[in-house]
Amino acid sequence: REALKRNTEFFAEIKRKSEDKKSVETRTKNAVMKFSVAIAKWHMSNEVKPIHVNEALELYKASLSTFGMHFEDGEFINESSLKKTEDGRRIAIDKAYNVLKNEKGYAFESEVIDKAVEYGCFTSRGQAQALMGTLRMECKLTERDNMIKISWK
């Protein structure tokens, strides 16, 4: 009970700090509790204690920080927050490319950009074009007949 109370109190405080009032998702709370159970088992404990919840919260905070997010400031991983990250934008480009590519794996760059912008990950078309330029510099784009092929490897 103490562990569940600790989890609930922690998320209530984070939600209070968050700008996005919908940001605390049930699955986020459940994930932290599952981490807590796993940590309790790791420590060979028969019950989940507040210390296990604290350890799970630290693990969750550390994982969010890899996305440049500050959990204690009310930033969470959800669809809208993921879109704001570099990885989220790359995922949008990849998703758009996969929808539009032909049987040989090529798509028109302008169509990929337009589709990626539709997903809401970019604030402007120029931002999507800049990412395509980065992919080009990273040698992840192959061009042929005014079309592109993206290789993420």
N, C-alpha and C. Protein backbone atom coordinates (compact mmCIF):
# COMPACT_ATOMS: atom_id res chain seq x y z
N ARG A 1 0.81 -1.20 0.00
CA ARG A 1 0.00 0.00 0.00
C ARG A 1 0.86 1.26 0.00
N GLU A 2 1.92 1.25 0.78
CA GLU A 2 2.80 2.42 0.83
C GLU A 2 3.42 2.70 -0.53
N ALA A 3 3.80 1.64 -1.23
CA ALA A 3 4.42 1.80 -2.55
C ALA A 3 3.43 2.40 -3.54
N LEU A 4 2.20 1.90 -3.52
CA LEU A 4 1.16 2.42 -4.42
C LEU A 4 0.87 3.89 -4.09
N LYS A 5 0.84 4.20 -2.80
CA LYS A 5 0.61 5.58 -2.37
C LYS A 5 1.75 6.48 -2.86
N ARG A 6 3.00 6.00 -2.75
CA ARG A 6 4.16 6.77 -3.21
C ARG A 6 4.05 7.06 -4.70
N ASN A 7 3.69 6.04 -5.47
CA ASN A 7 3.53 6.19 -6.92
C ASN A 7 2.44 7.21 -7.24
N THR A 8 1.31 7.09 -6.59
CA THR A 8 0.17 7.99 -6.83
C THR A 8 0.53 9.43 -6.47
N GLU A 9 1.16 9.62 -5.32
CA GLU A 9 1.54 10.96 -4.88
C GLU A 9 2.55 11.59 -5.84
N PHE A 10 3.50 10.79 -6.27
CA PHE A 10 4.52 11.31 -7.17
C PHE A 10 3.89 11.80 -8.47
N PHE A 11 3.02 11.00 -9.06
CA PHE A 11 2.41 11.38 -10.33
C PHE A 11 1.43 12.54 -10.16
N ALA A 12 0.79 12.64 -9.02
CA ALA A 12 -0.10 13.78 -8.76
C ALA A 12 0.71 15.08 -8.75
N GLU A 13 1.89 15.03 -8.13
CA GLU A 13 2.76 16.21 -8.09
C GLU A 13 3.28 16.57 -9.49
N ILE A 14 3.68 15.57 -10.24
CA ILE A 14 4.17 15.80 -11.61
C ILE A 14 3.05 16.38 -12.47
N LYS A 15 1.86 15.83 -12.35
CA LYS A 15 0.73 16.31 -13.15
C LYS A 15 0.43 17.77 -12.82
N ARG A 16 0.56 18.12 -11.56
CA ARG A 16 0.33 19.50 -11.14
C ARG A 16 1.32 20.44 -11.83
N LYS A 17 2.56 19.99 -12.02
CA LYS A 17 3.60 20.80 -12.65
C LYS A 17 3.48 20.85 -14.17
N SER A 18 2.82 19.87 -14.73
CA SER A 18 2.79 19.71 -16.18
C SER A 18 1.90 20.74 -16.85
N GLU A 19 2.35 21.21 -18.02
CA GLU A 19 1.53 22.11 -18.84
C GLU A 19 0.43 21.32 -19.54
N ASP A 20 0.74 20.09 -19.91
CA ASP A 20 -0.20 19.22 -20.60
C ASP A 20 -0.93 18.39 -19.56
N LYS A 21 -2.13 18.80 -19.21
CA LYS A 21 -2.86 18.14 -18.13
C LYS A 21 -3.25 16.70 -18.46
N LYS A 22 -3.16 16.32 -19.72
CA LYS A 22 -3.46 14.94 -20.10
C LYS A 22 -2.20 14.08 -20.10
N SER A 23 -1.07 14.67 -19.68
CA SER A 23 0.21 14.01 -19.87
C SER A 23 0.42 12.75 -19.04
N VAL A 24 -0.19 12.66 -17.88
CA VAL A 24 0.01 11.47 -17.06
C VAL A 24 -0.96 10.40 -17.53
N GLU A 25 -0.42 9.44 -18.22
CA GLU A 25 -1.25 8.37 -18.74
C GLU A 25 -1.24 7.20 -17.78
N THR A 26 -2.33 6.47 -17.74
CA THR A 26 -2.42 5.30 -16.88
C THR A 26 -1.31 4.32 -17.19
N ARG A 27 -0.99 4.16 -18.47
CA ARG A 27 0.05 3.20 -18.81
C ARG A 27 1.42 3.63 -18.30
N THR A 28 1.64 4.94 -18.13
CA THR A 28 2.89 5.41 -17.55
C THR A 28 2.97 4.99 -16.09
N LYS A 29 1.88 5.20 -15.36
CA LYS A 29 1.84 4.78 -13.96
C LYS A 29 2.01 3.27 -13.85
N ASN A 30 1.32 2.54 -14.72
CA ASN A 30 1.43 1.08 -14.70
C ASN A 30 2.84 0.61 -15.02
N ALA A 31 3.49 1.29 -15.96
CA ALA A 31 4.86 0.92 -16.32
C ALA A 31 5.79 1.09 -15.12
N VAL A 32 5.64 2.20 -14.40
CA VAL A 32 6.48 2.42 -13.22
C VAL A 32 6.20 1.36 -12.17
N MET A 33 4.94 0.98 -12.00
CA MET A 33 4.63 -0.06 -11.02
C MET A 33 5.20 -1.41 -11.46
N LYS A 34 5.18 -1.69 -12.76
CA LYS A 34 5.79 -2.94 -13.24
C LYS A 34 7.29 -2.92 -13.02
N PHE A 35 7.92 -1.77 -13.26
CA PHE A 35 9.35 -1.62 -12.95
C PHE A 35 9.57 -1.89 -11.46
N SER A 36 8.69 -1.35 -10.63
CA SER A 36 8.81 -1.51 -9.18
C SER A 36 8.74 -2.97 -8.77
N VAL A 37 7.80 -3.70 -9.36
CA VAL A 37 7.66 -5.13 -9.06
C VAL A 37 8.92 -5.87 -9.49
N ALA A 38 9.41 -5.56 -10.68
CA ALA A 38 10.63 -6.23 -11.17
C ALA A 38 11.82 -5.92 -10.26
N ILE A 39 11.92 -4.69 -9.81
CA ILE A 39 13.02 -4.30 -8.93
C ILE A 39 12.89 -5.01 -7.58
N ALA A 40 11.67 -5.10 -7.06
CA ALA A 40 11.45 -5.82 -5.80
C ALA A 40 11.88 -7.28 -5.94
N LYS A 41 11.51 -7.90 -7.06
CA LYS A 41 11.92 -9.29 -7.30
C LYS A 41 13.43 -9.39 -7.42
N TRP A 42 14.03 -8.41 -8.09
CA TRP A 42 15.49 -8.39 -8.25
C TRP A 42 16.18 -8.37 -6.87
N HIS A 43 15.58 -7.62 -5.95
CA HIS A 43 16.12 -7.53 -4.59
C HIS A 43 15.61 -8.67 -3.70
N MET A 44 14.92 -9.63 -4.32
CA MET A 44 14.38 -10.81 -3.63
C MET A 44 13.45 -10.44 -2.48
N SER A 45 12.62 -9.46 -2.74
CA SER A 45 11.63 -9.01 -1.76
C SER A 45 10.27 -9.59 -2.14
N ASN A 46 9.50 -9.94 -1.13
CA ASN A 46 8.16 -10.49 -1.38
C ASN A 46 7.12 -9.41 -1.58
N GLU A 47 7.48 -8.18 -1.30
CA GLU A 47 6.54 -7.08 -1.49
C GLU A 47 7.26 -5.86 -2.06
N VAL A 48 6.49 -5.04 -2.75
CA VAL A 48 7.03 -3.81 -3.33
C VAL A 48 7.00 -2.74 -2.24
N LYS A 49 8.15 -2.16 -2.01
CA LYS A 49 8.28 -1.13 -0.97
C LYS A 49 8.52 0.22 -1.64
N PRO A 50 8.31 1.30 -0.90
CA PRO A 50 8.55 2.63 -1.49
C PRO A 50 9.94 2.79 -2.09
N ILE A 51 10.94 2.15 -1.51
CA ILE A 51 12.29 2.25 -2.05
C ILE A 51 12.36 1.65 -3.46
N HIS A 52 11.57 0.61 -3.72
CA HIS A 52 11.53 0.01 -5.05
C HIS A 52 10.85 0.96 -6.04
N VAL A 53 9.80 1.63 -5.59
CA VAL A 53 9.12 2.61 -6.44
C VAL A 53 10.08 3.76 -6.76
N ASN A 54 10.81 4.22 -5.75
CA ASN A 54 11.78 5.30 -5.98
C ASN A 54 12.82 4.89 -7.01
N GLU A 55 13.30 3.66 -6.91
CA GLU A 55 14.29 3.17 -7.87
C GLU A 55 13.68 3.10 -9.28
N ALA A 56 12.43 2.65 -9.37
CA ALA A 56 11.75 2.58 -10.67
C ALA A 56 11.55 3.98 -11.25
N LEU A 57 11.20 4.93 -10.40
CA LEU A 57 11.02 6.31 -10.86
C LEU A 57 12.34 6.89 -11.36
N GLU A 58 13.42 6.59 -10.68
CA GLU A 58 14.74 7.05 -11.13
C GLU A 58 15.09 6.45 -12.49
N LEU A 59 14.78 5.17 -12.67
CA LEU A 59 15.02 4.51 -13.95
C LEU A 59 14.20 5.17 -15.05
N TYR A 60 12.93 5.44 -14.75
CA TYR A 60 12.05 6.07 -15.73
C TYR A 60 12.55 7.48 -16.08
N LYS A 61 12.94 8.24 -15.05
CA LYS A 61 13.47 9.59 -15.28
C LYS A 61 14.72 9.55 -16.15
N ALA A 62 15.59 8.59 -15.87
CA ALA A 62 16.83 8.47 -16.66
C ALA A 62 16.52 8.14 -18.11
N SER A 63 15.53 7.27 -18.34
CA SER A 63 15.19 6.92 -19.72
C SER A 63 14.59 8.12 -20.45
N LEU A 64 13.78 8.92 -19.77
CA LEU A 64 13.21 10.11 -20.41
C LEU A 64 14.29 11.15 -20.72
N SER A 65 15.30 11.21 -19.86
CA SER A 65 16.35 12.20 -20.09
C SER A 65 17.12 11.91 -21.38
N THR A 66 17.11 10.66 -21.84
CA THR A 66 17.77 10.35 -23.11
C THR A 66 17.04 11.00 -24.28
N PHE A 67 15.77 11.36 -24.07
CA PHE A 67 15.00 12.08 -25.09
C PHE A 67 15.09 13.58 -24.87
N GLY A 68 15.86 14.00 -23.87
CA GLY A 68 15.98 15.43 -23.55
C GLY A 68 14.77 15.94 -22.80
N MET A 69 14.06 15.06 -22.12
CA MET A 69 12.86 15.45 -21.39
C MET A 69 13.15 15.46 -19.90
N HIS A 70 12.48 16.36 -19.20
CA HIS A 70 12.69 16.50 -17.76
C HIS A 70 11.42 16.06 -17.05
N PHE A 71 11.43 14.82 -16.62
CA PHE A 71 10.27 14.17 -16.01
C PHE A 71 9.73 14.97 -14.82
N GLU A 72 10.62 15.43 -13.95
CA GLU A 72 10.16 16.14 -12.76
C GLU A 72 9.56 17.51 -13.07
N ASP A 73 9.79 18.01 -14.28
CA ASP A 73 9.18 19.27 -14.69
C ASP A 73 7.83 19.05 -15.35
N GLY A 74 7.39 17.80 -15.39
CA GLY A 74 6.08 17.50 -15.95
C GLY A 74 6.10 17.10 -17.41
N GLU A 75 7.26 16.71 -17.93
CA GLU A 75 7.34 16.26 -19.32
C GLU A 75 7.26 14.74 -19.36
N PHE A 76 6.40 14.23 -20.22
CA PHE A 76 6.17 12.80 -20.30
C PHE A 76 6.32 12.31 -21.72
N ILE A 77 6.52 11.02 -21.85
CA ILE A 77 6.50 10.40 -23.17
C ILE A 77 5.04 10.12 -23.51
N ASN A 78 4.56 10.79 -24.48
CA ASN A 78 3.26 10.49 -25.06
C ASN A 78 3.37 10.87 -26.53
N GLU A 79 2.33 10.70 -27.26
CA GLU A 79 2.43 10.93 -28.70
C GLU A 79 2.89 12.35 -29.02
N SER A 80 2.34 13.33 -28.33
CA SER A 80 2.71 14.71 -28.65
C SER A 80 4.13 15.05 -28.21
N SER A 81 4.58 14.51 -27.08
CA SER A 81 5.94 14.83 -26.65
C SER A 81 6.98 14.12 -27.48
N LEU A 82 6.69 12.90 -27.91
CA LEU A 82 7.64 12.17 -28.74
C LEU A 82 7.84 12.88 -30.07
N LYS A 83 6.79 13.48 -30.59
CA LYS A 83 6.88 14.19 -31.86
C LYS A 83 7.86 15.35 -31.80
N LYS A 84 8.08 15.90 -30.62
CA LYS A 84 8.94 17.07 -30.48
C LYS A 84 10.42 16.70 -30.50
N THR A 85 10.75 15.43 -30.40
CA THR A 85 12.14 15.02 -30.34
C THR A 85 12.70 14.78 -31.74
N GLU A 86 14.02 14.79 -31.84
CA GLU A 86 14.69 14.48 -33.10
C GLU A 86 14.30 13.08 -33.56
N ASP A 87 14.28 12.13 -32.62
CA ASP A 87 13.89 10.77 -32.97
C ASP A 87 12.46 10.72 -33.49
N GLY A 88 11.57 11.48 -32.87
CA GLY A 88 10.18 11.52 -33.31
C GLY A 88 10.05 12.05 -34.73
N ARG A 89 10.86 13.03 -35.06
CA ARG A 89 10.83 13.59 -36.42
C ARG A 89 11.37 12.58 -37.43
N ARG A 90 12.42 11.88 -37.04
CA ARG A 90 12.97 10.85 -37.93
C ARG A 90 11.96 9.72 -38.13
N ILE A 91 11.24 9.39 -37.08
CA ILE A 91 10.20 8.37 -37.18
C ILE A 91 9.12 8.83 -38.15
N ALA A 92 8.75 10.12 -38.09
CA ALA A 92 7.74 10.66 -39.00
C ALA A 92 8.22 10.59 -40.44
N ILE A 93 9.48 10.92 -40.68
CA ILE A 93 10.04 10.83 -42.04
C ILE A 93 10.00 9.38 -42.51
N ASP A 94 10.42 8.46 -41.64
CA ASP A 94 10.44 7.04 -42.00
C ASP A 94 9.03 6.53 -42.29
N LYS A 95 8.09 6.92 -41.46
CA LYS A 95 6.70 6.50 -41.64
C LYS A 95 6.15 7.02 -42.98
N ALA A 96 6.40 8.29 -43.26
CA ALA A 96 5.94 8.89 -44.52
C ALA A 96 6.60 8.19 -45.71
N TYR A 97 7.90 7.97 -45.61
CA TYR A 97 8.65 7.30 -46.68
C TYR A 97 8.08 5.90 -46.94
N ASN A 98 7.83 5.15 -45.87
CA ASN A 98 7.31 3.78 -46.03
C ASN A 98 5.93 3.75 -46.67
N VAL A 99 5.13 4.77 -46.40
CA VAL A 99 3.79 4.86 -47.02
C VAL A 99 3.90 5.16 -48.51
N LEU A 100 4.88 5.99 -48.87
CA LEU A 100 4.95 6.52 -50.24
C LEU A 100 5.90 5.80 -51.18
N LYS A 101 6.82 5.01 -50.68
CA LYS A 101 7.83 4.40 -51.55
C LYS A 101 7.21 3.42 -52.54
N ASN A 102 7.84 3.35 -53.71
CA ASN A 102 7.36 2.44 -54.75
C ASN A 102 7.98 1.05 -54.55
N GLU A 103 7.71 0.15 -55.50
CA GLU A 103 8.20 -1.23 -55.37
C GLU A 103 9.73 -1.33 -55.36
N LYS A 104 10.41 -0.31 -55.86
CA LYS A 104 11.88 -0.31 -55.85
C LYS A 104 12.44 0.43 -54.63
N GLY A 105 11.53 0.93 -53.79
CA GLY A 105 11.97 1.61 -52.57
C GLY A 105 12.23 3.09 -52.71
N TYR A 106 11.74 3.70 -53.78
CA TYR A 106 11.97 5.14 -54.00
C TYR A 106 10.66 5.92 -53.83
N ALA A 107 10.80 7.17 -53.40
CA ALA A 107 9.65 8.07 -53.25
C ALA A 107 10.10 9.49 -53.60
N PHE A 108 9.15 10.32 -53.96
CA PHE A 108 9.47 11.72 -54.23
C PHE A 108 9.70 12.43 -52.89
N GLU A 109 10.82 13.13 -52.81
CA GLU A 109 11.19 13.80 -51.56
C GLU A 109 10.12 14.79 -51.11
N SER A 110 9.58 15.57 -52.03
CA SER A 110 8.58 16.57 -51.65
C SER A 110 7.33 15.91 -51.05
N GLU A 111 6.96 14.75 -51.58
CA GLU A 111 5.79 14.04 -51.04
C GLU A 111 6.08 13.49 -49.65
N VAL A 112 7.30 12.99 -49.45
CA VAL A 112 7.69 12.48 -48.12
C VAL A 112 7.66 13.63 -47.11
N ILE A 113 8.18 14.78 -47.51
CA ILE A 113 8.19 15.94 -46.62
C ILE A 113 6.76 16.37 -46.29
N ASP A 114 5.90 16.47 -47.31
CA ASP A 114 4.51 16.88 -47.07
C ASP A 114 3.80 15.92 -46.13
N LYS A 115 4.00 14.61 -46.35
CA LYS A 115 3.34 13.60 -45.52
C LYS A 115 3.87 13.67 -44.08
N ALA A 116 5.18 13.83 -43.92
CA ALA A 116 5.77 13.92 -42.58
C ALA A 116 5.25 15.15 -41.83
N VAL A 117 5.09 16.26 -42.54
CA VAL A 117 4.56 17.48 -41.93
C VAL A 117 3.12 17.25 -41.47
N GLU A 118 2.35 16.48 -42.24
CA GLU A 118 0.96 16.16 -41.87
C GLU A 118 0.88 15.46 -40.52
N TYR A 119 1.90 14.69 -40.18
CA TYR A 119 1.91 13.95 -38.91
C TYR A 119 2.05 14.87 -37.70
N GLY A 120 2.37 16.14 -37.93
CA GLY A 120 2.43 17.11 -36.84
C GLY A 120 3.74 17.13 -36.07
N CYS A 121 4.76 16.51 -36.60
CA CYS A 121 6.06 16.47 -35.91
C CYS A 121 6.92 17.68 -36.21
N PHE A 122 6.61 18.38 -37.26
CA PHE A 122 7.41 19.52 -37.68
C PHE A 122 6.58 20.78 -37.58
N THR A 123 7.22 21.87 -37.17
CA THR A 123 6.49 23.14 -37.08
C THR A 123 6.36 23.80 -38.44
N SER A 124 7.20 23.36 -39.39
CA SER A 124 7.12 23.93 -40.74
C SER A 124 7.69 22.94 -41.75
N ARG A 125 7.39 23.20 -42.99
CA ARG A 125 7.93 22.38 -44.08
C ARG A 125 9.46 22.53 -44.13
N GLY A 126 9.93 23.73 -43.84
CA GLY A 126 11.36 24.00 -43.83
C GLY A 126 12.11 23.16 -42.80
N GLN A 127 11.47 22.92 -41.68
CA GLN A 127 12.09 22.08 -40.65
C GLN A 127 12.25 20.65 -41.15
N ALA A 128 11.25 20.16 -41.86
CA ALA A 128 11.33 18.81 -42.45
C ALA A 128 12.41 18.76 -43.53
N GLN A 129 12.48 19.82 -44.33
CA GLN A 129 13.51 19.88 -45.38
C GLN A 129 14.91 19.88 -44.75
N ALA A 130 15.05 20.57 -43.64
CA ALA A 130 16.35 20.61 -42.95
C ALA A 130 16.75 19.22 -42.48
N LEU A 131 15.80 18.46 -41.97
CA LEU A 131 16.11 17.09 -41.54
C LEU A 131 16.48 16.23 -42.73
N MET A 132 15.81 16.42 -43.85
CA MET A 132 16.17 15.67 -45.06
C MET A 132 17.60 16.03 -45.48
N GLY A 133 17.97 17.29 -45.33
CA GLY A 133 19.34 17.71 -45.62
C GLY A 133 20.35 17.02 -44.71
N THR A 134 19.97 16.88 -43.45
CA THR A 134 20.83 16.17 -42.49
C THR A 134 20.98 14.72 -42.90
N LEU A 135 19.87 14.09 -43.28
CA LEU A 135 19.93 12.69 -43.73
C LEU A 135 20.82 12.56 -44.96
N ARG A 136 20.74 13.55 -45.82
CA ARG A 136 21.58 13.55 -47.03
C ARG A 136 23.06 13.62 -46.64
N MET A 137 23.38 14.50 -45.70
CA MET A 137 24.78 14.63 -45.24
C MET A 137 25.26 13.37 -44.52
N GLU A 138 24.35 12.67 -43.86
CA GLU A 138 24.70 11.43 -43.17
C GLU A 138 24.76 10.24 -44.13
N CYS A 139 24.57 10.52 -45.41
CA CYS A 139 24.58 9.49 -46.46
C CYS A 139 23.50 8.43 -46.25
N LYS A 140 22.35 8.87 -45.77
CA LYS A 140 21.23 7.97 -45.58
C LYS A 140 20.23 8.06 -46.74
N LEU A 141 20.47 9.00 -47.67
CA LEU A 141 19.59 9.17 -48.83
C LEU A 141 20.33 8.78 -50.10
N THR A 142 19.64 8.05 -50.94
CA THR A 142 20.13 7.75 -52.29
C THR A 142 19.16 8.44 -53.23
N GLU A 143 19.67 9.12 -54.24
CA GLU A 143 18.81 9.83 -55.18
C GLU A 143 18.92 9.22 -56.57
N ARG A 144 17.76 9.09 -57.21
CA ARG A 144 17.71 8.58 -58.58
C ARG A 144 16.43 9.05 -59.24
N ASP A 145 16.55 9.61 -60.43
CA ASP A 145 15.38 10.08 -61.19
C ASP A 145 14.48 11.00 -60.36
N ASN A 146 15.08 11.96 -59.67
CA ASN A 146 14.34 12.92 -58.84
C ASN A 146 13.58 12.26 -57.69
N MET A 147 13.98 11.06 -57.33
CA MET A 147 13.35 10.35 -56.21
C MET A 147 14.43 10.00 -55.20
N ILE A 148 13.99 9.70 -53.97
CA ILE A 148 14.94 9.34 -52.92
C ILE A 148 14.65 7.95 -52.37
N LYS A 149 15.70 7.36 -51.83
CA LYS A 149 15.59 6.09 -51.12
C LYS A 149 16.30 6.32 -49.79
N ILE A 150 15.64 5.99 -48.69
CA ILE A 150 16.23 6.21 -47.37
C ILE A 150 16.72 4.88 -46.82
N SER A 151 17.96 4.89 -46.36
CA SER A 151 18.55 3.73 -45.72
C SER A 151 18.96 4.15 -44.32
N TRP A 152 18.37 3.56 -43.30
CA TRP A 152 18.63 3.96 -41.92
C TRP A 152 19.85 3.27 -41.32
N LYS A 153 20.46 2.38 -42.05
CA LYS A 153 21.60 1.63 -41.51
C LYS A 153 22.89 2.38 -41.67
